[in-house]
C-alpha atoms as a PDB file:
ATOM      1  CA  ARG A   1     -34.493 157.658 212.495  1.00  0.00           C
ATOM      2  CA  ILE A   2     -33.204 156.913 209.205  1.00  0.00           C
ATOM      3  CA  THR A   3     -32.443 153.555 208.653  1.00  0.00           C
ATOM      4  CA  ARG A   4     -29.791 151.951 206.485  1.00  0.00           C
ATOM      5  CA  GLU A   5     -32.365 151.063 203.774  1.00  0.00           C
ATOM      6  CA  ILE A   6     -33.935 154.628 203.702  1.00  0.00           C
ATOM      7  CA  ARG A   7     -30.564 155.845 203.378  1.00  0.00           C
ATOM      8  CA  ASP A   8     -29.454 153.583 200.464  1.00  0.00           C
ATOM      9  CA  GLY A   9     -32.819 154.429 199.074  1.00  0.00           C
ATOM     10  CA  PHE A  10     -32.040 158.099 199.020  1.00  0.00           C
ATOM     11  CA  HIS A  11     -28.635 157.243 197.519  1.00  0.00           C
ATOM     12  CA  TRP A  12     -30.040 155.492 194.808  1.00  0.00           C
ATOM     13  CA  VAL A  13     -32.687 157.806 194.044  1.00  0.00           C
ATOM     14  CA  LEU A  14     -30.033 160.894 194.138  1.00  0.00           C
ATOM     15  CA  GLU A  15     -27.436 159.002 191.841  1.00  0.00           C
ATOM     16  CA  SER A  16     -30.221 158.363 189.078  1.00  0.00           C
ATOM     17  CA  ARG A  17     -31.040 162.048 189.056  1.00  0.00           C
ATOM     18  CA  MET A  18     -27.443 162.943 188.878  1.00  0.00           C
ATOM     19  CA  GLU A  19     -26.937 160.554 185.888  1.00  0.00           C
ATOM     20  CA  ASP A  20     -29.908 162.373 184.272  1.00  0.00           C
ATOM     21  CA  ALA A  21     -28.461 165.667 184.704  1.00  0.00           C
ATOM     22  CA  GLY A  22     -25.022 164.608 183.391  1.00  0.00           C
ATOM     23  CA  PHE A  23     -26.924 163.173 180.396  1.00  0.00           C
ATOM     24  CA  PHE A  24     -29.224 166.188 179.781  1.00  0.00           C
ATOM     25  CA  TRP A  25     -26.157 168.583 180.105  1.00  0.00           C
ATOM     26  CA  LYS A  26     -24.195 166.703 177.349  1.00  0.00           C
ATOM     27  CA  GLU A  27     -27.005 166.825 174.862  1.00  0.00           C
ATOM     28  CA  ASP A  28     -27.867 170.389 175.736  1.00  0.00           C
ATOM     29  CA  THR A  29     -24.417 171.627 175.006  1.00  0.00           C
ATOM     30  CA  LEU A  30     -24.403 170.131 171.571  1.00  0.00           C
ATOM     31  CA  LEU A  31     -26.425 172.851 170.003  1.00  0.00           C
ATOM     32  CA  PRO A  32     -24.857 176.198 169.546  1.00  0.00           C
ATOM     33  CA  VAL A  33     -26.300 179.336 171.212  1.00  0.00           C
ATOM     34  CA  GLU A  34     -27.585 181.155 168.090  1.00  0.00           C
ATOM     35  CA  ALA A  35     -29.361 177.930 166.955  1.00  0.00           C
ATOM     36  CA  ARG A  36     -30.809 177.489 170.383  1.00  0.00           C
ATOM     37  CA  LEU A  37     -32.289 180.699 170.164  1.00  0.00           C
ATOM     38  CA  LYS A  38     -33.969 179.856 166.912  1.00  0.00           C
ATOM     39  CA  THR A  39     -35.782 177.097 168.794  1.00  0.00           C
ATOM     40  CA  LEU A  40     -37.444 179.778 170.904  1.00  0.00           C
ATOM     41  CA  GLU A  41     -39.450 180.718 167.832  1.00  0.00           C
ATOM     42  CA  LYS A  42     -41.536 177.462 168.299  1.00  0.00           C
ATOM     43  CA  VAL A  43     -42.213 178.308 172.005  1.00  0.00           C
ATOM     44  CA  VAL A  44     -45.439 180.357 172.575  1.00  0.00           C
ATOM     45  CA  PHE A  45     -45.352 182.689 175.562  1.00  0.00           C
ATOM     46  CA  GLN A  46     -49.064 183.673 174.982  1.00  0.00           C
ATOM     47  CA  GLU A  47     -50.729 182.927 171.569  1.00  0.00           C
ATOM     48  CA  SER A  48     -52.210 186.378 171.127  1.00  0.00           C
ATOM     49  CA  VAL A  49     -49.106 187.913 172.408  1.00  0.00           C
ATOM     50  CA  GLY A  50     -46.178 186.300 170.920  1.00  0.00           C
ATOM     51  CA  THR A  51     -43.507 183.556 171.270  1.00  0.00           C
ATOM     52  CA  MET A  52     -40.301 183.309 173.341  1.00  0.00           C
ATOM     53  CA  SER A  53     -38.080 184.576 170.529  1.00  0.00           C
ATOM     54  CA  ASP A  54     -40.395 187.580 170.451  1.00  0.00           C
ATOM     55  CA  TYR A  55     -40.022 187.898 174.306  1.00  0.00           C
ATOM     56  CA  GLY A  56     -36.472 187.888 173.961  1.00  0.00           C
ATOM     57  CA  ARG A  57     -36.231 190.893 171.448  1.00  0.00           C
ATOM     58  CA  ALA A  58     -38.830 192.787 173.661  1.00  0.00           C
ATOM     59  CA  LEU A  59     -36.698 191.946 176.841  1.00  0.00           C
ATOM     60  CA  ALA A  60     -33.399 193.435 175.153  1.00  0.00           C
ATOM     61  CA  GLU A  61     -35.578 196.796 173.649  1.00  0.00           C
ATOM     62  CA  LEU A  62     -36.996 197.377 177.223  1.00  0.00           C
ATOM     63  CA  THR A  63     -34.054 196.725 178.979  1.00  0.00           C
ATOM     64  CA  GLY A  64     -31.611 198.976 176.755  1.00  0.00           C
ATOM     65  CA  LYS A  65     -34.100 201.786 177.031  1.00  0.00           C
ATOM     66  CA  LEU A  66     -34.713 201.736 180.660  1.00  0.00           C
ATOM     67  CA  ALA A  67     -30.753 201.470 181.137  1.00  0.00           C
ATOM     68  CA  GLY A  68     -30.780 204.712 179.095  1.00  0.00           C
ATOM     69  CA  ARG A  69     -33.423 206.197 181.192  1.00  0.00           C
ATOM     70  CA  LEU A  70     -31.595 205.552 184.140  1.00  0.00           C
ATOM     71  CA  GLY A  71     -28.219 207.005 183.447  1.00  0.00           C
ATOM     72  CA  PHE A  72     -26.452 203.840 182.681  1.00  0.00           C
ATOM     73  CA  ASP A  73     -23.654 204.673 180.216  1.00  0.00           C
ATOM     74  CA  PRO A  74     -24.004 203.498 176.651  1.00  0.00           C
ATOM     75  CA  ALA A  75     -21.588 200.398 176.858  1.00  0.00           C
ATOM     76  CA  ALA A  76     -23.504 199.108 180.171  1.00  0.00           C
ATOM     77  CA  ALA A  77     -27.016 199.634 178.318  1.00  0.00           C
ATOM     78  CA  GLU A  78     -25.637 197.555 175.451  1.00  0.00           C
ATOM     79  CA  THR A  79     -24.647 194.951 177.726  1.00  0.00           C
ATOM     80  CA  LEU A  80     -27.956 194.810 179.590  1.00  0.00           C
ATOM     81  CA  ALA A  81     -29.606 194.691 175.992  1.00  0.00           C
ATOM     82  CA  GLU A  82     -27.680 191.771 174.879  1.00  0.00           C
ATOM     83  CA  ALA A  83     -28.237 189.875 178.266  1.00  0.00           C
ATOM     84  CA  GLY A  84     -31.895 190.622 177.552  1.00  0.00           C
ATOM     85  CA  ARG A  85     -31.780 188.892 174.303  1.00  0.00           C
ATOM     86  CA  LEU A  86     -30.266 185.603 175.506  1.00  0.00           C
ATOM     87  CA  ALA A  87     -31.914 185.492 179.003  1.00  0.00           C
ATOM     88  CA  LYS A  88     -34.420 182.758 177.877  1.00  0.00           C
ATOM     89  CA  LEU A  89     -32.295 180.525 175.494  1.00  0.00           C
ATOM     90  CA  ASP A  90     -32.324 177.893 178.056  1.00  0.00           C
ATOM     91  CA  LEU A  91     -36.193 177.305 177.993  1.00  0.00           C
ATOM     92  CA  THR A  92     -35.794 174.602 174.946  1.00  0.00           C
ATOM     93  CA  THR A  93     -33.007 172.550 177.174  1.00  0.00           C
ATOM     94  CA  SER A  94     -33.657 169.234 178.605  1.00  0.00           C
ATOM     95  CA  SER A  95     -32.087 170.368 181.634  1.00  0.00           C
ATOM     96  CA  VAL A  96     -34.758 172.937 182.285  1.00  0.00           C
ATOM     97  CA  ARG A  97     -37.595 171.276 181.266  1.00  0.00           C
ATOM     98  CA  GLU A  98     -36.444 168.299 183.782  1.00  0.00           C
ATOM     99  CA  PHE A  99     -34.894 170.826 186.286  1.00  0.00           C
ATOM    100  CA  PRO A 100     -37.233 174.087 186.220  1.00  0.00           C
ATOM    101  CA  ALA A 101     -35.107 175.572 189.278  1.00  0.00           C
ATOM    102  CA  VAL A 102     -31.896 175.844 187.245  1.00  0.00           C
ATOM    103  CA  ALA A 103     -33.586 178.084 184.441  1.00  0.00           C
ATOM    104  CA  GLY A 104     -31.310 181.344 184.039  1.00  0.00           C
ATOM    105  CA  ILE A 105     -28.318 179.529 185.552  1.00  0.00           C
ATOM    106  CA  MET A 106     -28.436 176.892 182.849  1.00  0.00           C
ATOM    107  CA  ALA A 107     -28.656 179.822 180.062  1.00  0.00           C
ATOM    108  CA  GLY A 108     -25.522 181.665 181.893  1.00  0.00           C
ATOM    109  CA  ARG A 109     -23.379 178.360 181.919  1.00  0.00           C
ATOM    110  CA  LEU A 110     -24.067 177.670 177.864  1.00  0.00           C
ATOM    111  CA  LEU A 111     -23.037 181.286 177.274  1.00  0.00           C
ATOM    112  CA  GLU A 112     -20.070 180.632 179.044  1.00  0.00           C
ATOM    113  CA  LEU A 113     -19.103 177.604 176.878  1.00  0.00           C
ATOM    114  CA  GLU A 114     -19.175 180.050 174.112  1.00  0.00           C
ATOM    115  CA  SER A 115     -17.153 182.718 175.618  1.00  0.00           C
ATOM    116  CA  VAL A 116     -19.892 185.274 175.710  1.00  0.00           C
ATOM    117  CA  PRO A 117     -18.563 188.115 177.976  1.00  0.00           C
ATOM    118  CA  ALA A 118     -18.736 187.648 181.928  1.00  0.00           C
ATOM    119  CA  GLU A 119     -20.611 190.526 182.447  1.00  0.00           C
ATOM    120  CA  VAL A 120     -23.409 189.270 180.025  1.00  0.00           C
ATOM    121  CA  CYS A 121     -23.375 185.675 181.596  1.00  0.00           C
ATOM    122  CA  GLY A 122     -23.402 187.001 185.046  1.00  0.00           C
ATOM    123  CA  LEU A 123     -26.689 189.110 184.274  1.00  0.00           C
ATOM    124  CA  VAL A 124     -28.394 186.058 182.692  1.00  0.00           C
ATOM    125  CA  ARG A 125     -27.644 183.852 185.814  1.00  0.00           C
ATOM    126  CA  GLU A 126     -29.257 186.540 188.129  1.00  0.00           C
ATOM    127  CA  HIS A 127     -32.182 187.612 185.773  1.00  0.00           C
ATOM    128  CA  LEU A 128     -35.013 185.660 187.494  1.00  0.00           C
ATOM    129  CA  TYR A 129     -34.521 186.789 191.144  1.00  0.00           C
ATOM    130  CA  PRO A 130     -36.408 187.226 193.356  1.00  0.00           C
ATOM    131  CA  LYS A 131     -38.519 183.963 192.615  1.00  0.00           C
ATOM    132  CA  PHE A 132     -40.830 184.143 195.858  1.00  0.00           C
ATOM    133  CA  PRO A 133     -41.366 186.810 198.382  1.00  0.00           C
ATOM    134  CA  GLY A 134     -38.319 186.855 200.755  1.00  0.00           C
ATOM    135  CA  ASP A 135     -36.041 185.460 198.069  1.00  0.00           C
ATOM    136  CA  ARG A 136     -32.635 187.097 197.592  1.00  0.00           C
ATOM    137  CA  LEU A 137     -32.152 189.858 195.070  1.00  0.00           C
ATOM    138  CA  PRO A 138     -29.587 189.939 192.292  1.00  0.00           C
ATOM    139  CA  LYS A 139     -26.328 190.945 193.427  1.00  0.00           C
ATOM    140  CA  ASP A 140     -25.868 194.309 191.518  1.00  0.00           C
ATOM    141  CA  ARG A 141     -27.966 197.336 190.229  1.00  0.00           C
ATOM    142  CA  PRO A 142     -27.344 195.993 186.449  1.00  0.00           C
ATOM    143  CA  ALA A 143     -28.594 192.845 187.381  1.00  0.00           C
ATOM    144  CA  CYS A 144     -31.638 194.096 189.196  1.00  0.00           C
ATOM    145  CA  LEU A 145     -32.562 196.393 186.202  1.00  0.00           C
ATOM    146  CA  LEU A 146     -32.659 193.385 183.902  1.00  0.00           C
ATOM    147  CA  ALA A 147     -34.490 191.252 186.676  1.00  0.00           C
ATOM    148  CA  CYS A 148     -36.892 194.198 186.977  1.00  0.00           C
ATOM    149  CA  ALA A 149     -37.353 194.790 183.215  1.00  0.00           C
ATOM    150  CA  ASP A 150     -38.037 190.948 182.940  1.00  0.00           C
ATOM    151  CA  LYS A 151     -40.891 190.897 185.319  1.00  0.00           C
ATOM    152  CA  THR A 152     -42.306 193.850 184.016  1.00  0.00           C
ATOM    153  CA  LEU A 153     -42.408 192.584 180.530  1.00  0.00           C
ATOM    154  CA  HIS A 154     -43.990 189.388 181.540  1.00  0.00           C
ATOM    155  CA  LEU A 155     -46.482 191.020 183.603  1.00  0.00           C
ATOM    156  CA  CYS A 156     -47.735 193.173 180.881  1.00  0.00           C
ATOM    157  CA  GLY A 157     -47.343 190.258 178.570  1.00  0.00           C
ATOM    158  CA  LEU A 158     -49.762 188.528 180.475  1.00  0.00           C
ATOM    159  CA  PHE A 159     -52.380 191.447 180.931  1.00  0.00           C
ATOM    160  CA  LEU A 160     -51.904 191.826 177.235  1.00  0.00           C
ATOM    161  CA  ALA A 161     -53.316 188.229 176.779  1.00  0.00           C
ATOM    162  CA  GLY A 162     -56.299 189.070 178.930  1.00  0.00           C
ATOM    163  CA  ILE A 163     -55.022 187.197 181.816  1.00  0.00           C
ATOM    164  CA  GLU A 164     -55.669 188.999 185.584  1.00  0.00           C
ATOM    165  CA  ALA A 165     -55.815 188.067 188.844  1.00  0.00           C
ATOM    166  CA  SER A 166     -59.044 187.539 190.337  1.00  0.00           C
ATOM    167  CA  GLY A 167     -59.857 187.399 194.156  1.00  0.00           C
ATOM    168  CA  SER A 168     -57.576 184.837 195.471  1.00  0.00           C
ATOM    169  CA  ALA A 169     -56.994 183.291 192.142  1.00  0.00           C
ATOM    170  CA  ASP A 170     -53.835 184.097 190.595  1.00  0.00           C
ATOM    171  CA  PRO A 171     -52.559 180.824 188.784  1.00  0.00           C
ATOM    172  CA  TYR A 172     -49.925 183.149 186.707  1.00  0.00           C
ATOM    173  CA  GLY A 173     -48.324 184.720 189.472  1.00  0.00           C
ATOM    174  CA  LEU A 174     -49.394 188.378 188.617  1.00  0.00           C
ATOM    175  CA  ARG A 175     -49.170 189.435 192.256  1.00  0.00           C
ATOM    176  CA  ARG A 176     -45.793 187.841 192.579  1.00  0.00           C
ATOM    177  CA  LEU A 177     -44.445 189.252 189.549  1.00  0.00           C
ATOM    178  CA  ALA A 178     -45.510 193.105 190.730  1.00  0.00           C
ATOM    179  CA  GLN A 179     -44.324 192.561 194.296  1.00  0.00           C
ATOM    180  CA  GLY A 180     -40.684 191.706 192.473  1.00  0.00           C
ATOM    181  CA  ILE A 181     -40.767 194.821 190.519  1.00  0.00           C
ATOM    182  CA  LEU A 182     -41.430 196.777 193.432  1.00  0.00           C
ATOM    183  CA  GLU A 183     -38.734 194.847 195.457  1.00  0.00           C
ATOM    184  CA  LEU A 184     -35.908 195.430 192.689  1.00  0.00           C
ATOM    185  CA  ALA A 185     -36.876 198.998 192.371  1.00  0.00           C
ATOM    186  CA  TRP A 186     -36.870 199.923 195.740  1.00  0.00           C
ATOM    187  CA  GLN A 187     -33.671 198.004 196.578  1.00  0.00           C
ATOM    188  CA  SER A 188     -31.894 200.115 193.833  1.00  0.00           C
ATOM    189  CA  ASP A 189     -33.582 203.235 193.817  1.00  0.00           C
ATOM    190  CA  PHE A 190     -34.774 203.180 190.290  1.00  0.00           C
ATOM    191  CA  ARG A 191     -36.642 206.315 189.902  1.00  0.00           C
ATOM    192  CA  LEU A 192     -38.939 205.715 187.271  1.00  0.00           C
ATOM    193  CA  GLU A 193     -42.493 206.596 186.586  1.00  0.00           C
ATOM    194  CA  TRP A 194     -44.611 203.501 187.043  1.00  0.00           C
ATOM    195  CA  PRO A 195     -47.146 204.489 184.151  1.00  0.00           C
ATOM    196  CA  GLU A 196     -44.023 205.077 181.907  1.00  0.00           C
ATOM    197  CA  LEU A 197     -42.359 201.540 182.762  1.00  0.00           C
ATOM    198  CA  LEU A 198     -45.593 199.997 182.101  1.00  0.00           C
ATOM    199  CA  ALA A 199     -46.152 201.869 179.054  1.00  0.00           C
ATOM    200  CA  ALA A 200     -42.436 201.021 177.830  1.00  0.00           C
ATOM    201  CA  ALA A 201     -43.109 197.249 178.553  1.00  0.00           C
ATOM    202  CA  VAL A 202     -46.243 197.377 176.339  1.00  0.00           C
ATOM    203  CA  ARG A 203     -44.433 199.221 173.453  1.00  0.00           C
ATOM    204  CA  ALA A 204     -41.692 196.599 173.414  1.00  0.00           C
ATOM    205  CA  TRP A 205     -44.482 193.947 172.801  1.00  0.00           C
ATOM    206  CA  GLY A 206     -45.460 195.960 169.846  1.00  0.00           C
ATOM    207  CA  ARG A 207     -48.686 197.187 171.183  1.00  0.00           C
ATOM    208  CA  PRO A 208     -50.072 200.753 171.559  1.00  0.00           C
ATOM    209  CA  GLU A 209     -49.046 202.127 174.996  1.00  0.00           C
ATOM    210  CA  GLY A 210     -52.666 202.986 175.590  1.00  0.00           C
ATOM    211  CA  GLU A 211     -53.086 199.385 176.173  1.00  0.00           C
ATOM    212  CA  ALA A 212     -51.079 199.721 179.619  1.00  0.00           C
ATOM    213  CA  ALA A 213     -53.835 201.899 181.199  1.00  0.00           C
ATOM    214  CA  ARG A 214     -55.668 198.929 182.239  1.00  0.00           C
ATOM    215  CA  ILE A 215     -52.683 197.405 184.047  1.00  0.00           C
ATOM    216  CA  HIS A 216     -52.418 200.911 186.126  1.00  0.00           C
ATOM    217  CA  ALA A 217     -55.182 200.115 188.893  1.00  0.00           C
ATOM    218  CA  PHE A 218     -53.651 196.690 189.275  1.00  0.00           C
ATOM    219  CA  PHE A 219     -50.119 197.978 189.740  1.00  0.00           C
ATOM    220  CA  GLU A 220     -51.279 200.781 191.898  1.00  0.00           C
ATOM    221  CA  GLY A 221     -53.168 198.242 194.138  1.00  0.00           C
ATOM    222  CA  ARG A 222     -49.749 196.215 194.592  1.00  0.00           C
ATOM    223  CA  LEU A 223     -48.050 199.218 195.564  1.00  0.00           C
ATOM    224  CA  ALA A 224     -50.301 200.084 198.381  1.00  0.00           C
ATOM    225  CA  ASN A 225     -50.370 196.439 199.468  1.00  0.00           C
ATOM    226  CA  GLY A 226     -46.199 196.604 199.224  1.00  0.00           C
ATOM    227  CA  LEU A 227     -46.345 199.566 201.455  1.00  0.00           C
ATOM    228  CA  GLU A 228     -48.603 197.485 203.970  1.00  0.00           C
ATOM    229  CA  ASN A 229     -46.466 195.102 204.065  1.00  0.00           C
ATOM    230  CA  GLN A 230     -43.606 197.316 204.959  1.00  0.00           C
ATOM    231  CA  GLY A 231     -45.162 197.931 208.207  1.00  0.00           C
ATOM    232  CA  PHE A 232     -47.076 201.351 207.008  1.00  0.00           C
ATOM    233  CA  ARG A 233     -50.680 201.997 207.963  1.00  0.00           C
ATOM    234  CA  PRO A 234     -53.351 201.630 205.349  1.00  0.00           C
ATOM    235  CA  ASP A 235     -54.248 205.363 205.430  1.00  0.00           C
ATOM    236  CA  VAL A 236     -50.522 206.361 205.253  1.00  0.00           C
ATOM    237  CA  ALA A 237     -49.985 204.179 202.224  1.00  0.00           C
ATOM    238  CA  ALA A 238     -52.993 205.675 200.549  1.00  0.00           C
ATOM    239  CA  ALA A 239     -51.965 209.046 201.175  1.00  0.00           C
ATOM    240  CA  ALA A 240     -48.432 208.513 200.029  1.00  0.00           C
ATOM    241  CA  LEU A 241     -49.903 207.257 196.557  1.00  0.00           C
ATOM    242  CA  GLY A 242     -51.780 210.156 196.359  1.00  0.00           C
ATOM    243  CA  GLY A 243     -49.330 212.827 196.122  1.00  0.00           C
ATOM    244  CA  GLU A 244     -47.927 214.411 192.726  1.00  0.00           C
ATOM    245  CA  GLY A 245     -45.903 212.090 190.462  1.00  0.00           C
ATOM    246  CA  ARG A 246     -46.063 208.389 190.028  1.00  0.00           C
ATOM    247  CA  SER A 247     -42.418 207.579 190.909  1.00  0.00           C
ATOM    248  CA  VAL A 248     -42.014 203.825 191.837  1.00  0.00           C
ATOM    249  CA  THR A 249     -39.542 204.795 194.454  1.00  0.00           C
ATOM    250  CA  SER A 250     -41.440 207.880 195.929  1.00  0.00           C
ATOM    251  CA  ALA A 251     -44.020 206.262 197.754  1.00  0.00           C
ATOM    252  CA  PRO A 252     -41.991 204.663 200.358  1.00  0.00           C
ATOM    253  CA  LYS A 253     -40.202 207.676 201.032  1.00  0.00           C
ATOM    254  CA  ARG A 254     -43.471 209.769 200.996  1.00  0.00           C
ATOM    255  CA  ALA A 255     -44.927 207.047 203.674  1.00  0.00           C
ATOM    256  CA  ALA A 256     -41.869 207.137 205.853  1.00  0.00           C
ATOM    257  CA  ALA A 257     -41.966 211.094 206.003  1.00  0.00           C
ATOM    258  CA  LEU A 258     -45.843 210.797 206.856  1.00  0.00           C
ATOM    259  CA  THR A 259     -45.091 208.327 209.645  1.00  0.00           C
ATOM    260  CA  ALA A 260     -42.670 210.191 211.315  1.00  0.00           C
ATOM    261  CA  LEU A 261     -44.680 213.461 210.828  1.00  0.00           C
ATOM    262  CA  LEU A 262     -47.827 211.422 212.639  1.00  0.00           C
ATOM    263  CA  ALA A 263     -45.328 210.481 215.497  1.00  0.00           C
ATOM    264  CA  GLU A 264     -44.447 214.108 216.240  1.00  0.00           C
ATOM    265  CA  THR A 265     -48.063 215.160 216.629  1.00  0.00           C
END
């Protein structure tokens, strides 16, 4: 039973947090977008890989290239690349430091205040989804592409820094990133060869694409795990991954076809 004292306590805490949010919002809107992007040069993503400013440049490059590869028209590819460049601008805001859940949303709102095109603002707001297994996906195919590029760049950047999942230990969420990539690719039918996707992300970081080779085994393992999570038998998942080609979207289709064939025998 919630007593009056408990309710009043909740109200007091909520009012205090709302006052904090209002103060941070006013403070964060004082710095123009381009000036705030400059502050990302002082935020390190991983010391041996680059800053968050480097991240933004790499995300713009990767997103634009993937858009072209998937047949987006040049204007849409340019919009996606610009969204990638701006996506991380809120990481130095007090609002995101205090309320991490508003990352992306805050960036989109700051862009709206400077009359950045609505398409770019919408893409930036959606680019962090899905944040966890079972979370919602971005609302449309372009937003899914930016989110997929972001997670791929993040995953490859961690590997380039020498960070890998070990046993049950995965403090940097590498498995979660890989699962998000697969969910986005499968939902939007991104017909990309996954070695090509990983190599493009490594190149965007300014590293030789050969450095993507050691990420392959990890990603293929997550593909098998993703198929099993969809209900396919382990042997069917392994067989689906053993076919020709390495398209991200071909594996579940092969697994479904094999399952249907087994049901007929």
